[in-house]
Each structure stands twice: as C-alpha cells, then as structure tokens.
C-alpha atoms as a PDB file:
ATOM      1  CA  MET A   1      -0.043   0.014  -0.002  1.00  0.00           C
ATOM      2  CA  ASN A   2       1.341   3.377  -0.969  1.00  0.00           C
ATOM      3  CA  LYS A   3       1.566   6.216   1.581  1.00  0.00           C
ATOM      4  CA  GLN A   4       1.076   9.722   0.429  1.00  0.00           C
ATOM      5  CA  PHE A   5       2.109  12.924   2.304  1.00  0.00           C
ATOM      6  CA  LYS A   6       1.015  16.425   1.629  1.00  0.00           C
ATOM      7  CA  GLY A   7       2.184  19.750   3.168  1.00  0.00           C
ATOM      8  CA  ARG A   8       2.134  23.461   2.456  1.00  0.00           C
ATOM      9  CA  THR A   9       4.845  25.928   3.318  1.00  0.00           C
ATOM     10  CA  GLU A  10       2.203  28.144   4.981  1.00  0.00           C
ATOM     11  CA  ASP A  11       1.389  25.332   7.390  1.00  0.00           C
ATOM     12  CA  ALA A  12       5.091  25.332   8.603  1.00  0.00           C
ATOM     13  CA  ASP A  13       5.522  29.044   8.669  1.00  0.00           C
ATOM     14  CA  SER A  14       6.113  30.911  11.954  1.00  0.00           C
ATOM     15  CA  VAL A  15       7.408  34.360  12.987  1.00  0.00           C
ATOM     16  CA  PHE A  16      11.185  34.573  13.459  1.00  0.00           C
ATOM     17  CA  LEU A  17      12.363  36.148  16.678  1.00  0.00           C
ATOM     18  CA  SER A  18      15.038  38.294  15.139  1.00  0.00           C
ATOM     19  CA  ALA A  19      17.770  40.121  16.989  1.00  0.00           C
ATOM     20  CA  ASP A  20      15.446  43.113  17.252  1.00  0.00           C
ATOM     21  CA  PHE A  21      13.063  41.167  19.500  1.00  0.00           C
ATOM     22  CA  TRP A  22      15.745  40.364  22.040  1.00  0.00           C
ATOM     23  CA  LYS A  23      16.119  43.186  24.542  1.00  0.00           C
ATOM     24  CA  PRO A  24      17.265  42.615  28.082  1.00  0.00           C
ATOM     25  CA  GLY A  25      14.484  40.853  30.044  1.00  0.00           C
ATOM     26  CA  ALA A  26      12.780  39.545  26.978  1.00  0.00           C
ATOM     27  CA  ARG A  27      11.828  35.911  27.589  1.00  0.00           C
ATOM     28  CA  ILE A  28       9.968  32.947  26.107  1.00  0.00           C
ATOM     29  CA  ALA A  29       9.166  29.463  27.130  1.00  0.00           C
ATOM     30  CA  GLY A  30       7.925  26.673  24.890  1.00  0.00           C
ATOM     31  CA  LYS A  31       8.181  23.217  23.404  1.00  0.00           C
ATOM     32  CA  VAL A  32      10.247  22.506  20.240  1.00  0.00           C
ATOM     33  CA  ILE A  33       7.837  21.123  17.673  1.00  0.00           C
ATOM     34  CA  ARG A  34      10.015  21.181  14.637  1.00  0.00           C
ATOM     35  CA  THR A  35      13.597  21.863  13.490  1.00  0.00           C
ATOM     36  CA  PHE A  36      14.865  22.994  10.118  1.00  0.00           C
ATOM     37  CA  GLU A  37      18.127  24.079   8.500  1.00  0.00           C
ATOM     38  CA  SER A  38      18.665  27.556   7.081  1.00  0.00           C
ATOM     39  CA  GLU A  39      21.633  29.081   5.347  1.00  0.00           C
ATOM     40  CA  ASN A  40      22.702  30.294   8.733  1.00  0.00           C
ATOM     41  CA  GLY A  41      22.384  26.971  10.498  1.00  0.00           C
ATOM     42  CA  PRO A  42      19.802  25.155  12.632  1.00  0.00           C
ATOM     43  CA  CYS A  43      16.426  26.741  13.435  1.00  0.00           C
ATOM     44  CA  TYR A  44      13.760  25.743  15.876  1.00  0.00           C
ATOM     45  CA  VAL A  45       9.986  26.241  15.909  1.00  0.00           C
ATOM     46  CA  LEU A  46       8.460  26.490  19.391  1.00  0.00           C
ATOM     47  CA  ASP A  47       4.838  26.371  20.696  1.00  0.00           C
ATOM     48  CA  LEU A  48       4.966  29.028  23.333  1.00  0.00           C
ATOM     49  CA  VAL A  49       3.538  28.651  26.794  1.00  0.00           C
ATOM     50  CA  ASN A  50       2.527  32.362  26.707  1.00  0.00           C
ATOM     51  CA  PRO A  51       2.114  34.295  23.448  1.00  0.00           C
ATOM     52  CA  VAL A  52       4.488  37.181  22.657  1.00  0.00           C
ATOM     53  CA  GLN A  53       3.685  40.440  20.809  1.00  0.00           C
ATOM     54  CA  ILE A  54       5.250  40.817  17.429  1.00  0.00           C
ATOM     55  CA  ASP A  55       4.378  43.987  15.439  1.00  0.00           C
ATOM     56  CA  GLY A  56       1.245  44.383  17.563  1.00  0.00           C
ATOM     57  CA  GLU A  57       0.130  40.800  16.916  1.00  0.00           C
ATOM     58  CA  SER A  58      -0.187  38.014  19.527  1.00  0.00           C
ATOM     59  CA  VAL A  59       1.935  35.105  18.339  1.00  0.00           C
ATOM     60  CA  GLU A  60       1.843  31.603  19.882  1.00  0.00           C
ATOM     61  CA  GLN A  61       4.421  29.902  17.680  1.00  0.00           C
ATOM     62  CA  VAL A  62       7.824  31.292  16.872  1.00  0.00           C
ATOM     63  CA  SER A  63      11.063  30.325  15.146  1.00  0.00           C
ATOM     64  CA  ILE A  64      14.404  30.871  16.728  1.00  0.00           C
ATOM     65  CA  GLY A  65      17.445  31.166  14.415  1.00  0.00           C
ATOM     66  CA  ASN A  66      21.052  30.720  14.767  1.00  0.00           C
ATOM     67  CA  LEU A  67      21.883  33.868  16.730  1.00  0.00           C
ATOM     68  CA  THR A  68      25.437  33.889  18.059  1.00  0.00           C
ATOM     69  CA  GLY A  69      24.481  34.471  21.716  1.00  0.00           C
ATOM     70  CA  PHE A  70      21.814  31.676  21.460  1.00  0.00           C
ATOM     71  CA  ARG A  71      24.343  29.260  20.044  1.00  0.00           C
ATOM     72  CA  MET A  72      26.793  30.202  22.789  1.00  0.00           C
ATOM     73  CA  ALA A  73      24.172  29.627  25.491  1.00  0.00           C
ATOM     74  CA  LEU A  74      23.480  26.154  24.081  1.00  0.00           C
ATOM     75  CA  GLN A  75      27.138  25.395  24.122  1.00  0.00           C
ATOM     76  CA  ALA A  76      27.365  26.585  27.741  1.00  0.00           C
ATOM     77  CA  ALA A  77      24.537  24.184  28.549  1.00  0.00           C
ATOM     78  CA  SER A  78      26.618  21.384  27.017  1.00  0.00           C
ATOM     79  CA  ILE A  79      24.257  20.762  24.089  1.00  0.00           C
ATOM     80  CA  ASP A  80      24.958  21.416  20.339  1.00  0.00           C
ATOM     81  CA  ARG A  81      21.305  21.823  19.307  1.00  0.00           C
ATOM     82  CA  LEU A  82      17.794  21.552  20.370  1.00  0.00           C
ATOM     83  CA  GLN A  83      15.594  18.480  19.587  1.00  0.00           C
ATOM     84  CA  VAL A  84      11.939  18.094  18.969  1.00  0.00           C
ATOM     85  CA  SER A  85      10.007  17.807  22.343  1.00  0.00           C
ATOM     86  CA  ASP A  86      12.698  19.851  24.229  1.00  0.00           C
ATOM     87  CA  VAL A  87      11.080  22.312  26.597  1.00  0.00           C
ATOM     88  CA  VAL A  88      12.984  25.612  26.512  1.00  0.00           C
ATOM     89  CA  HIS A  89      13.060  28.635  28.801  1.00  0.00           C
ATOM     90  CA  LEU A  90      15.100  31.419  27.164  1.00  0.00           C
ATOM     91  CA  GLU A  91      15.760  34.951  28.478  1.00  0.00           C
ATOM     92  CA  CYS A  92      17.873  37.743  27.012  1.00  0.00           C
ATOM     93  CA  THR A  93      20.214  38.798  29.824  1.00  0.00           C
ATOM     94  CA  GLY A  94      21.786  41.755  28.047  1.00  0.00           C
ATOM     95  CA  LEU A  95      23.435  43.134  24.863  1.00  0.00           C
ATOM     96  CA  LYS A  96      27.131  43.099  24.209  1.00  0.00           C
ATOM     97  CA  SER A  97      28.855  45.417  21.680  1.00  0.00           C
ATOM     98  CA  THR A  98      30.599  43.700  18.849  1.00  0.00           C
ATOM     99  CA  THR A  99      33.005  44.790  16.059  1.00  0.00           C
ATOM    100  CA  LYS A 100      30.227  43.934  13.505  1.00  0.00           C
ATOM    101  CA  GLY A 101      28.100  46.949  14.279  1.00  0.00           C
ATOM    102  CA  SER A 102      25.105  45.321  15.896  1.00  0.00           C
ATOM    103  CA  PRO A 103      25.197  44.133  19.501  1.00  0.00           C
ATOM    104  CA  ARG A 104      25.079  40.485  20.391  1.00  0.00           C
ATOM    105  CA  ALA A 105      22.165  39.410  22.549  1.00  0.00           C
ATOM    106  CA  ASN A 106      23.220  37.288  25.497  1.00  0.00           C
ATOM    107  CA  PHE A 107      20.970  34.554  26.827  1.00  0.00           C
ATOM    108  CA  GLU A 108      20.192  32.412  29.733  1.00  0.00           C
ATOM    109  CA  ILE A 109      18.780  29.037  28.521  1.00  0.00           C
ATOM    110  CA  GLU A 110      17.207  26.077  30.385  1.00  0.00           C
ATOM    111  CA  VAL A 111      16.340  22.989  28.417  1.00  0.00           C
ATOM    112  CA  THR A 112      14.355  20.024  29.676  1.00  0.00           C
ATOM    113  CA  ARG A 113      14.623  17.014  27.413  1.00  0.00           C
ATOM    114  CA  PRO A 114      12.147  14.186  27.896  1.00  0.00           C
END
C-alpha cells in the first residue's frame, strides 16, 4: 500500500524572533515542535507557553534562528542543538557590543529534554 504525504509551506511558517526582538528581560518558554536548517544553521519552531507580541500581533508559535548568543548559550549548557520535544526557557540577559556593528544578545537558557 502506498503512503502519501502532503504539506504546504504556509502550514510550517512561523514568525522569526530576530535580533530586534531580544532586549534585556525579553523571555519565552515553549516546546520545540520542529527543527529545520537555514543558510545560517539550525532553526527551531516553538509552541509558546505564553504568546508574545510581534508587530502588535499576539503570536503563539515562533522560530528561533542561529543567533550567536543563542548558540553560545546552548554550548554553555553542554548541548549542540535543540531536539523536537525539548522544553525551552530562554531569556535575554543583556546586549554586548561587537565589532560587527550590531550588538550580540546574551541569553540564559534552560532545556528540559524528555
């Protein structure tokens, strides 16, 4: 028996939490429901515990990209990447000046893996 699978890009689309979102004290918590690769590395889609406001809209599902500070926080937690079903608590703890012109967001991360 053949199996058939269908999907639409729009069904997998979610708002990216860009560097502009991350100001000191900004925080999210949620469960990783999907991972994907971008030209900048791994990205994660989270179903949030509490929605966030993005451009005046309440959003319950977000994507987190490969921000340098995020990647460093994962490394500090002794993990290379998130996995589907991980529960993540992420908070921006500050911004650090860089030589690239835009500041790096620093993060505190807690990951619970079932």
